[in-house]
Amino acid sequence: MSQFILALLFFVVLFGIIILANSVRIVREYDRLVVFRLGRLIGVKGPGLVLLIPIVDRAVKVGLRTVTMDVPPQDIITRDNVSVKVNAVIYFRVIDAAQAVVQVENFLYATSQIAQTTLRSILGQQELDELLSEREKLNQALQQVIDRQTEPWGVKVSTVEVKNVDLPQEMQRAIARQAEAERERRAKVIAAEGEYQASARLTEAAAIIGREPAALQLRYLQTLAEIATENNSTTIFPVPIDILKALTGPSERKS
């Protein structure tokens, strides 16, 4: 009989320890406990030591840290009928633990699905050039739309970033040809601008020489000096009569 009492006492103590262990919770700073008493929400507990009534209370733990979630690649047809694959990353966190438990069954899965559908919807309204060049504006639009839809769940979406835009091979070749044509166009424009400026300077120089014949003679002499400096061989140039007259004119007038 005494052994039966000891065994019964042992099971009672063990059961008490189990009940006590389930009644005491230590909640970390970045977690919260959403407590239900007989199925009714009574509040959010934590951080620190939380005491629950055994059997009566049920607690659901919710993390408050920012969650980084990859949005799987989505097949998107742009407004100009180009098929691309786009993936993204979304950053969000729970700001109301009670709403995240009560208003939606699984807020992580729900946020992921909202992000995928919004990605297809928003990016499908853009043309390919906008999708490639206006990434910042599209990220902002995605963040606003997703955050507006997750707000009733107590989830705050802080950032959405489009990561990769995978183009078909033929579209990549077309874009490469377009970029090459653009570079050639710019090179031709720059060359034409240089020719225009050079011709304008030559026209100005010709006008000055036309008004001042002595300028042509000085230029001729400068050219002779440059040739004599650069070449070691003997070079014979005919000297125009106008230059000789300009050189001998003063002596003849003196005589």
C-alpha atoms as a PDB file:
ATOM      1  CA  MET A   1       0.000   0.000   0.000  1.00  0.00           C
ATOM      2  CA  SER A   2       2.836   2.370   0.826  1.00  0.00           C
ATOM      3  CA  GLN A   3       4.415   1.670  -2.576  1.00  0.00           C
ATOM      4  CA  PHE A   4       1.163   2.546  -4.297  1.00  0.00           C
ATOM      5  CA  ILE A   5       0.980   5.831  -2.380  1.00  0.00           C
ATOM      6  CA  LEU A   6       4.587   6.664  -3.280  1.00  0.00           C
ATOM      7  CA  ALA A   7       3.946   5.913  -6.956  1.00  0.00           C
ATOM      8  CA  LEU A   8       0.789   8.030  -6.908  1.00  0.00           C
ATOM      9  CA  LEU A   9       2.650  10.859  -5.210  1.00  0.00           C
ATOM     10  CA  PHE A  10       5.423  10.613  -7.785  1.00  0.00           C
ATOM     11  CA  PHE A  11       2.980  10.919 -10.691  1.00  0.00           C
ATOM     12  CA  VAL A  12       1.221  13.848  -8.992  1.00  0.00           C
ATOM     13  CA  VAL A  13       4.521  15.670  -8.528  1.00  0.00           C
ATOM     14  CA  LEU A  14       5.555  14.900 -12.103  1.00  0.00           C
ATOM     15  CA  PHE A  15       2.218  16.135 -13.418  1.00  0.00           C
ATOM     16  CA  GLY A  16       2.592  19.301 -11.323  1.00  0.00           C
ATOM     17  CA  ILE A  17       6.054  19.940 -12.722  1.00  0.00           C
ATOM     18  CA  ILE A  18       4.771  19.524 -16.290  1.00  0.00           C
ATOM     19  CA  ILE A  19       1.855  21.872 -15.640  1.00  0.00           C
ATOM     20  CA  LEU A  20       4.160  24.433 -14.037  1.00  0.00           C
ATOM     21  CA  ALA A  21       6.612  24.213 -16.932  1.00  0.00           C
ATOM     22  CA  ASN A  22       3.818  24.898 -19.400  1.00  0.00           C
ATOM     23  CA  SER A  23       2.532  27.774 -17.270  1.00  0.00           C
ATOM     24  CA  VAL A  24       5.789  29.725 -17.153  1.00  0.00           C
ATOM     25  CA  ARG A  25       7.126  31.262 -20.362  1.00  0.00           C
ATOM     26  CA  ILE A  26      10.225  33.409 -20.859  1.00  0.00           C
ATOM     27  CA  VAL A  27       9.672  35.740 -23.797  1.00  0.00           C
ATOM     28  CA  ARG A  28      12.643  37.315 -25.581  1.00  0.00           C
ATOM     29  CA  GLU A  29      12.818  41.019 -26.371  1.00  0.00           C
ATOM     30  CA  TYR A  30      12.055  40.472 -30.067  1.00  0.00           C
ATOM     31  CA  ASP A  31       9.086  38.109 -29.446  1.00  0.00           C
ATOM     32  CA  ARG A  32       5.557  38.533 -28.146  1.00  0.00           C
ATOM     33  CA  LEU A  33       2.964  36.068 -26.852  1.00  0.00           C
ATOM     34  CA  VAL A  34      -0.604  36.479 -28.062  1.00  0.00           C
ATOM     35  CA  VAL A  35      -2.640  34.909 -25.231  1.00  0.00           C
ATOM     36  CA  PHE A  36      -6.094  33.355 -25.651  1.00  0.00           C
ATOM     37  CA  ARG A  37      -8.141  32.392 -22.567  1.00  0.00           C
ATOM     38  CA  LEU A  38     -10.840  29.848 -23.325  1.00  0.00           C
ATOM     39  CA  GLY A  39     -10.612  30.924 -26.972  1.00  0.00           C
ATOM     40  CA  ARG A  40     -10.932  34.652 -26.286  1.00  0.00           C
ATOM     41  CA  LEU A  41      -8.075  37.062 -26.958  1.00  0.00           C
ATOM     42  CA  ILE A  42      -6.976  38.652 -23.690  1.00  0.00           C
ATOM     43  CA  GLY A  43      -3.880  40.505 -24.900  1.00  0.00           C
ATOM     44  CA  VAL A  44      -0.231  40.438 -25.898  1.00  0.00           C
ATOM     45  CA  LYS A  45       2.349  39.489 -23.263  1.00  0.00           C
ATOM     46  CA  GLY A  46       6.097  39.978 -23.077  1.00  0.00           C
ATOM     47  CA  PRO A  47       8.969  40.444 -23.086  1.00  0.00           C
ATOM     48  CA  GLY A  48      10.179  38.815 -19.888  1.00  0.00           C
ATOM     49  CA  LEU A  49       8.503  36.271 -17.604  1.00  0.00           C
ATOM     50  CA  VAL A  50       4.903  35.421 -18.508  1.00  0.00           C
ATOM     51  CA  LEU A  51       2.621  33.261 -16.347  1.00  0.00           C
ATOM     52  CA  LEU A  52      -0.212  31.351 -18.014  1.00  0.00           C
ATOM     53  CA  ILE A  53      -3.130  29.507 -16.437  1.00  0.00           C
ATOM     54  CA  PRO A  54      -2.697  25.818 -17.243  1.00  0.00           C
ATOM     55  CA  ILE A  55      -5.224  24.287 -19.665  1.00  0.00           C
ATOM     56  CA  VAL A  56      -7.210  27.548 -19.729  1.00  0.00           C
ATOM     57  CA  ASP A  57      -4.687  29.754 -21.560  1.00  0.00           C
ATOM     58  CA  ARG A  58      -3.165  29.173 -24.986  1.00  0.00           C
ATOM     59  CA  ALA A  59      -0.315  31.313 -26.296  1.00  0.00           C
ATOM     60  CA  VAL A  60       0.929  31.947 -29.839  1.00  0.00           C
ATOM     61  CA  LYS A  61       4.449  33.328 -30.218  1.00  0.00           C
ATOM     62  CA  VAL A  62       5.033  36.038 -32.852  1.00  0.00           C
ATOM     63  CA  GLY A  63       8.420  37.486 -33.839  1.00  0.00           C
ATOM     64  CA  LEU A  64       8.819  41.232 -34.252  1.00  0.00           C
ATOM     65  CA  ARG A  65      12.116  41.248 -36.138  1.00  0.00           C
ATOM     66  CA  THR A  66      12.332  42.272 -39.792  1.00  0.00           C
ATOM     67  CA  VAL A  67      11.781  39.328 -42.130  1.00  0.00           C
ATOM     68  CA  THR A  68      13.659  39.065 -45.435  1.00  0.00           C
ATOM     69  CA  MET A  69      11.628  37.104 -47.963  1.00  0.00           C
ATOM     70  CA  ASP A  70      12.543  36.196 -51.526  1.00  0.00           C
ATOM     71  CA  VAL A  71       9.727  36.521 -54.042  1.00  0.00           C
ATOM     72  CA  PRO A  72      10.077  33.632 -56.543  1.00  0.00           C
ATOM     73  CA  PRO A  73      10.602  34.516 -60.239  1.00  0.00           C
ATOM     74  CA  GLN A  74       7.341  35.559 -61.865  1.00  0.00           C
ATOM     75  CA  ASP A  75       6.470  35.301 -65.571  1.00  0.00           C
ATOM     76  CA  ILE A  76       5.447  38.793 -66.634  1.00  0.00           C
ATOM     77  CA  ILE A  77       4.265  40.135 -69.984  1.00  0.00           C
ATOM     78  CA  THR A  78       5.041  43.833 -70.217  1.00  0.00           C
ATOM     79  CA  ARG A  79       2.784  46.416 -71.809  1.00  0.00           C
ATOM     80  CA  ASP A  80       4.780  46.192 -75.056  1.00  0.00           C
ATOM     81  CA  ASN A  81       4.274  42.380 -75.145  1.00  0.00           C
ATOM     82  CA  VAL A  82       7.718  41.245 -73.987  1.00  0.00           C
ATOM     83  CA  SER A  83       7.829  38.117 -71.797  1.00  0.00           C
ATOM     84  CA  VAL A  84      10.309  38.390 -68.912  1.00  0.00           C
ATOM     85  CA  LYS A  85      11.014  36.669 -65.589  1.00  0.00           C
ATOM     86  CA  VAL A  86      11.307  38.967 -62.578  1.00  0.00           C
ATOM     87  CA  ASN A  87      12.129  38.160 -58.963  1.00  0.00           C
ATOM     88  CA  ALA A  88      12.318  40.439 -55.955  1.00  0.00           C
ATOM     89  CA  VAL A  89      13.048  40.611 -52.246  1.00  0.00           C
ATOM     90  CA  ILE A  90      10.689  42.036 -49.643  1.00  0.00           C
ATOM     91  CA  TYR A  91      11.474  43.311 -46.139  1.00  0.00           C
ATOM     92  CA  PHE A  92       8.666  43.444 -43.591  1.00  0.00           C
ATOM     93  CA  ARG A  93       7.968  43.073 -39.869  1.00  0.00           C
ATOM     94  CA  VAL A  94       5.025  42.612 -37.528  1.00  0.00           C
ATOM     95  CA  ILE A  95       3.979  45.788 -35.739  1.00  0.00           C
ATOM     96  CA  ASP A  96       0.762  44.401 -34.220  1.00  0.00           C
ATOM     97  CA  ALA A  97       1.164  40.812 -32.981  1.00  0.00           C
ATOM     98  CA  ALA A  98      -2.509  40.370 -32.131  1.00  0.00           C
ATOM     99  CA  GLN A  99      -3.677  41.384 -35.619  1.00  0.00           C
ATOM    100  CA  ALA A 100      -1.060  39.128 -37.235  1.00  0.00           C
ATOM    101  CA  VAL A 101      -2.596  36.133 -35.407  1.00  0.00           C
ATOM    102  CA  VAL A 102      -6.288  37.022 -35.409  1.00  0.00           C
ATOM    103  CA  GLN A 103      -6.760  38.578 -38.849  1.00  0.00           C
ATOM    104  CA  VAL A 104      -4.871  36.071 -41.005  1.00  0.00           C
ATOM    105  CA  GLU A 105      -4.120  32.369 -40.674  1.00  0.00           C
ATOM    106  CA  ASN A 106      -0.471  32.560 -41.718  1.00  0.00           C
ATOM    107  CA  PHE A 107       0.839  36.082 -42.233  1.00  0.00           C
ATOM    108  CA  LEU A 108       4.146  34.889 -43.745  1.00  0.00           C
ATOM    109  CA  TYR A 109       2.431  32.864 -46.469  1.00  0.00           C
ATOM    110  CA  ALA A 110      -0.183  35.563 -47.048  1.00  0.00           C
ATOM    111  CA  THR A 111       2.456  38.284 -47.434  1.00  0.00           C
ATOM    112  CA  SER A 112       4.381  36.126 -49.896  1.00  0.00           C
ATOM    113  CA  GLN A 113       1.286  35.569 -52.040  1.00  0.00           C
ATOM    114  CA  ILE A 114       0.378  39.260 -51.990  1.00  0.00           C
ATOM    115  CA  ALA A 115       3.931  40.138 -53.050  1.00  0.00           C
ATOM    116  CA  GLN A 116       3.813  37.720 -56.001  1.00  0.00           C
ATOM    117  CA  THR A 117       0.464  38.904 -57.321  1.00  0.00           C
ATOM    118  CA  THR A 118       1.382  42.574 -56.879  1.00  0.00           C
ATOM    119  CA  LEU A 119       4.688  42.023 -58.678  1.00  0.00           C
ATOM    120  CA  ARG A 120       2.865  40.597 -61.702  1.00  0.00           C
ATOM    121  CA  SER A 121       0.201  43.296 -61.610  1.00  0.00           C
ATOM    122  CA  ILE A 122       2.420  46.383 -61.266  1.00  0.00           C
ATOM    123  CA  LEU A 123       5.254  45.311 -63.550  1.00  0.00           C
ATOM    124  CA  GLY A 124       2.838  44.021 -66.193  1.00  0.00           C
ATOM    125  CA  GLN A 125       1.606  47.600 -66.648  1.00  0.00           C
ATOM    126  CA  GLN A 126       5.083  48.873 -67.577  1.00  0.00           C
ATOM    127  CA  GLU A 127       7.004  48.812 -70.830  1.00  0.00           C
ATOM    128  CA  LEU A 128      10.324  47.009 -71.018  1.00  0.00           C
ATOM    129  CA  ASP A 129      12.383  50.217 -71.106  1.00  0.00           C
ATOM    130  CA  GLU A 130      10.634  51.459 -67.956  1.00  0.00           C
ATOM    131  CA  LEU A 131      11.190  48.109 -66.262  1.00  0.00           C
ATOM    132  CA  LEU A 132      14.919  48.309 -66.928  1.00  0.00           C
ATOM    133  CA  SER A 133      15.553  52.013 -66.315  1.00  0.00           C
ATOM    134  CA  GLU A 134      13.023  53.109 -63.675  1.00  0.00           C
ATOM    135  CA  ARG A 135      13.769  50.496 -61.034  1.00  0.00           C
ATOM    136  CA  GLU A 136      13.583  52.896 -58.082  1.00  0.00           C
ATOM    137  CA  LYS A 137      10.121  54.189 -59.007  1.00  0.00           C
ATOM    138  CA  LEU A 138       8.795  50.643 -59.460  1.00  0.00           C
ATOM    139  CA  ASN A 139      10.236  49.542 -56.100  1.00  0.00           C
ATOM    140  CA  GLN A 140       8.421  52.398 -54.406  1.00  0.00           C
ATOM    141  CA  ALA A 141       5.139  51.584 -56.139  1.00  0.00           C
ATOM    142  CA  LEU A 142       5.399  47.912 -55.135  1.00  0.00           C
ATOM    143  CA  GLN A 143       6.147  48.805 -51.524  1.00  0.00           C
ATOM    144  CA  GLN A 144       3.142  51.120 -51.258  1.00  0.00           C
ATOM    145  CA  VAL A 145       0.686  48.647 -52.786  1.00  0.00           C
ATOM    146  CA  ILE A 146       1.865  45.638 -50.743  1.00  0.00           C
ATOM    147  CA  ASP A 147       2.012  47.646 -47.510  1.00  0.00           C
ATOM    148  CA  ARG A 148      -1.525  48.901 -48.033  1.00  0.00           C
ATOM    149  CA  GLN A 149      -2.825  45.336 -48.388  1.00  0.00           C
ATOM    150  CA  THR A 150      -0.911  43.904 -45.414  1.00  0.00           C
ATOM    151  CA  GLU A 151      -1.724  46.774 -43.050  1.00  0.00           C
ATOM    152  CA  PRO A 152      -4.941  45.099 -41.693  1.00  0.00           C
ATOM    153  CA  TRP A 153      -2.798  42.125 -40.671  1.00  0.00           C
ATOM    154  CA  GLY A 154      -0.489  44.265 -38.534  1.00  0.00           C
ATOM    155  CA  VAL A 155       2.369  43.770 -41.000  1.00  0.00           C
ATOM    156  CA  LYS A 156       4.514  46.715 -42.131  1.00  0.00           C
ATOM    157  CA  VAL A 157       6.331  46.357 -45.467  1.00  0.00           C
ATOM    158  CA  SER A 158       9.366  48.636 -45.365  1.00  0.00           C
ATOM    159  CA  THR A 159      11.188  47.841 -48.625  1.00  0.00           C
ATOM    160  CA  VAL A 160      10.626  45.969 -51.869  1.00  0.00           C
ATOM    161  CA  GLU A 161      13.518  45.556 -54.303  1.00  0.00           C
ATOM    162  CA  VAL A 162      13.347  44.079 -57.801  1.00  0.00           C
ATOM    163  CA  LYS A 163      16.445  41.874 -58.032  1.00  0.00           C
ATOM    164  CA  ASN A 164      16.722  40.377 -61.519  1.00  0.00           C
ATOM    165  CA  VAL A 165      14.978  40.874 -64.838  1.00  0.00           C
ATOM    166  CA  ASP A 166      15.678  37.859 -67.082  1.00  0.00           C
ATOM    167  CA  LEU A 167      15.183  38.656 -70.752  1.00  0.00           C
ATOM    168  CA  PRO A 168      14.853  36.152 -73.624  1.00  0.00           C
ATOM    169  CA  GLN A 169      18.003  35.631 -75.680  1.00  0.00           C
ATOM    170  CA  GLU A 170      16.599  37.319 -78.786  1.00  0.00           C
ATOM    171  CA  MET A 171      15.616  40.366 -76.724  1.00  0.00           C
ATOM    172  CA  GLN A 172      19.115  40.551 -75.227  1.00  0.00           C
ATOM    173  CA  ARG A 173      20.603  40.541 -78.727  1.00  0.00           C
ATOM    174  CA  ALA A 174      18.170  43.231 -79.854  1.00  0.00           C
ATOM    175  CA  ILE A 175      19.084  45.436 -76.889  1.00  0.00           C
ATOM    176  CA  ALA A 176      22.791  44.899 -77.591  1.00  0.00           C
ATOM    177  CA  ARG A 177      22.279  45.950 -81.238  1.00  0.00           C
ATOM    178  CA  GLN A 178      20.313  48.979 -80.108  1.00  0.00           C
ATOM    179  CA  ALA A 179      23.074  49.996 -77.699  1.00  0.00           C
ATOM    180  CA  GLU A 180      25.713  49.558 -80.405  1.00  0.00           C
ATOM    181  CA  ALA A 181      23.688  51.681 -82.844  1.00  0.00           C
ATOM    182  CA  GLU A 182      23.310  54.358 -80.176  1.00  0.00           C
ATOM    183  CA  ARG A 183      27.083  54.419 -79.592  1.00  0.00           C
ATOM    184  CA  GLU A 184      27.732  54.717 -83.341  1.00  0.00           C
ATOM    185  CA  ARG A 185      25.213  57.552 -83.593  1.00  0.00           C
ATOM    186  CA  ARG A 186      26.922  59.443 -80.784  1.00  0.00           C
ATOM    187  CA  ALA A 187      30.343  58.909 -82.391  1.00  0.00           C
ATOM    188  CA  LYS A 188      29.093  60.284 -85.700  1.00  0.00           C
ATOM    189  CA  VAL A 189      27.482  63.279 -84.002  1.00  0.00           C
ATOM    190  CA  ILE A 190      30.723  64.053 -82.147  1.00  0.00           C
ATOM    191  CA  ALA A 191      32.771  63.703 -85.361  1.00  0.00           C
ATOM    192  CA  ALA A 192      30.359  65.957 -87.281  1.00  0.00           C
ATOM    193  CA  GLU A 193      30.488  68.535 -84.496  1.00  0.00           C
ATOM    194  CA  GLY A 194      34.287  68.484 -84.631  1.00  0.00           C
ATOM    195  CA  GLU A 195      34.257  68.953 -88.418  1.00  0.00           C
ATOM    196  CA  TYR A 196      31.835  71.840 -88.061  1.00  0.00           C
ATOM    197  CA  GLN A 197      33.970  73.590 -85.472  1.00  0.00           C
ATOM    198  CA  ALA A 198      37.133  73.025 -87.533  1.00  0.00           C
ATOM    199  CA  SER A 199      35.503  74.437 -90.677  1.00  0.00           C
ATOM    200  CA  ALA A 200      34.248  77.445 -88.718  1.00  0.00           C
ATOM    201  CA  ARG A 201      37.774  78.150 -87.453  1.00  0.00           C
ATOM    202  CA  LEU A 202      39.231  77.768 -90.948  1.00  0.00           C
ATOM    203  CA  THR A 203      36.646  80.199 -92.288  1.00  0.00           C
ATOM    204  CA  GLU A 204      37.615  82.732 -89.635  1.00  0.00           C
ATOM    205  CA  ALA A 205      41.315  82.236 -90.426  1.00  0.00           C
ATOM    206  CA  ALA A 206      40.694  82.665 -94.155  1.00  0.00           C
ATOM    207  CA  ALA A 207      38.775  85.885 -93.500  1.00  0.00           C
ATOM    208  CA  ILE A 208      41.651  87.269 -91.413  1.00  0.00           C
ATOM    209  CA  ILE A 209      44.251  86.316 -94.044  1.00  0.00           C
ATOM    210  CA  GLY A 210      42.086  87.867 -96.742  1.00  0.00           C
ATOM    211  CA  ARG A 211      42.070  91.168 -94.868  1.00  0.00           C
ATOM    212  CA  GLU A 212      45.764  91.035 -93.901  1.00  0.00           C
ATOM    213  CA  PRO A 213      48.074  89.607 -96.661  1.00  0.00           C
ATOM    214  CA  ALA A 214      51.040  89.850 -94.304  1.00  0.00           C
ATOM    215  CA  ALA A 215      49.411  87.156 -92.126  1.00  0.00           C
ATOM    216  CA  LEU A 216      49.729  84.669 -95.006  1.00  0.00           C
ATOM    217  CA  GLN A 217      53.428  85.502 -95.357  1.00  0.00           C
ATOM    218  CA  LEU A 218      54.007  84.999 -91.627  1.00  0.00           C
ATOM    219  CA  ARG A 219      52.209  81.667 -91.754  1.00  0.00           C
ATOM    220  CA  TYR A 220      54.362  80.598 -94.699  1.00  0.00           C
ATOM    221  CA  LEU A 221      57.538  81.428 -92.823  1.00  0.00           C
ATOM    222  CA  GLN A 222      56.282  79.586 -89.718  1.00  0.00           C
ATOM    223  CA  THR A 223      55.624  76.484 -91.810  1.00  0.00           C
ATOM    224  CA  LEU A 224      59.173  76.642 -93.214  1.00  0.00           C
ATOM    225  CA  ALA A 225      60.569  76.880 -89.677  1.00  0.00           C
ATOM    226  CA  GLU A 226      58.563  73.853 -88.527  1.00  0.00           C
ATOM    227  CA  ILE A 227      59.706  71.760 -91.495  1.00  0.00           C
ATOM    228  CA  ALA A 228      63.334  72.742 -90.923  1.00  0.00           C
ATOM    229  CA  THR A 229      63.079  71.704 -87.267  1.00  0.00           C
ATOM    230  CA  GLU A 230      61.462  68.327 -87.922  1.00  0.00           C
ATOM    231  CA  ASN A 231      63.512  67.193 -90.992  1.00  0.00           C
ATOM    232  CA  ASN A 232      67.293  66.836 -91.168  1.00  0.00           C
ATOM    233  CA  SER A 233      67.406  66.741 -94.988  1.00  0.00           C
ATOM    234  CA  THR A 234      67.623  69.814 -97.195  1.00  0.00           C
ATOM    235  CA  THR A 235      64.258  71.043 -98.436  1.00  0.00           C
ATOM    236  CA  ILE A 236      63.914  73.599-101.265  1.00  0.00           C
ATOM    237  CA  PHE A 237      60.787  75.770-101.301  1.00  0.00           C
ATOM    238  CA  PRO A 238      59.937  78.415-103.843  1.00  0.00           C
ATOM    239  CA  VAL A 239      59.687  81.801-102.204  1.00  0.00           C
ATOM    240  CA  PRO A 240      56.748  83.893-103.405  1.00  0.00           C
ATOM    241  CA  ILE A 241      57.557  87.248-104.975  1.00  0.00           C
ATOM    242  CA  ASP A 242      55.265  88.950-102.486  1.00  0.00           C
ATOM    243  CA  ILE A 243      57.498  87.884 -99.631  1.00  0.00           C
ATOM    244  CA  LEU A 244      60.637  89.063-101.438  1.00  0.00           C
ATOM    245  CA  LYS A 245      59.012  92.402-102.128  1.00  0.00           C
ATOM    246  CA  ALA A 246      58.020  92.676 -98.485  1.00  0.00           C
ATOM    247  CA  LEU A 247      61.621  91.948 -97.438  1.00  0.00           C
ATOM    248  CA  THR A 248      63.373  94.153-100.044  1.00  0.00           C
ATOM    249  CA  GLY A 249      60.846  96.922-100.064  1.00  0.00           C
ATOM    250  CA  PRO A 250      62.346  98.909 -97.141  1.00  0.00           C
ATOM    251  CA  SER A 251      65.883  98.808 -98.553  1.00  0.00           C
ATOM    252  CA  GLU A 252      64.742 100.001-101.968  1.00  0.00           C
ATOM    253  CA  ARG A 253      62.831 102.893-100.425  1.00  0.00           C
ATOM    254  CA  LYS A 254      65.945 103.942 -98.496  1.00  0.00           C
ATOM    255  CA  SER A 255      68.057 103.978-101.625  1.00  0.00           C
END
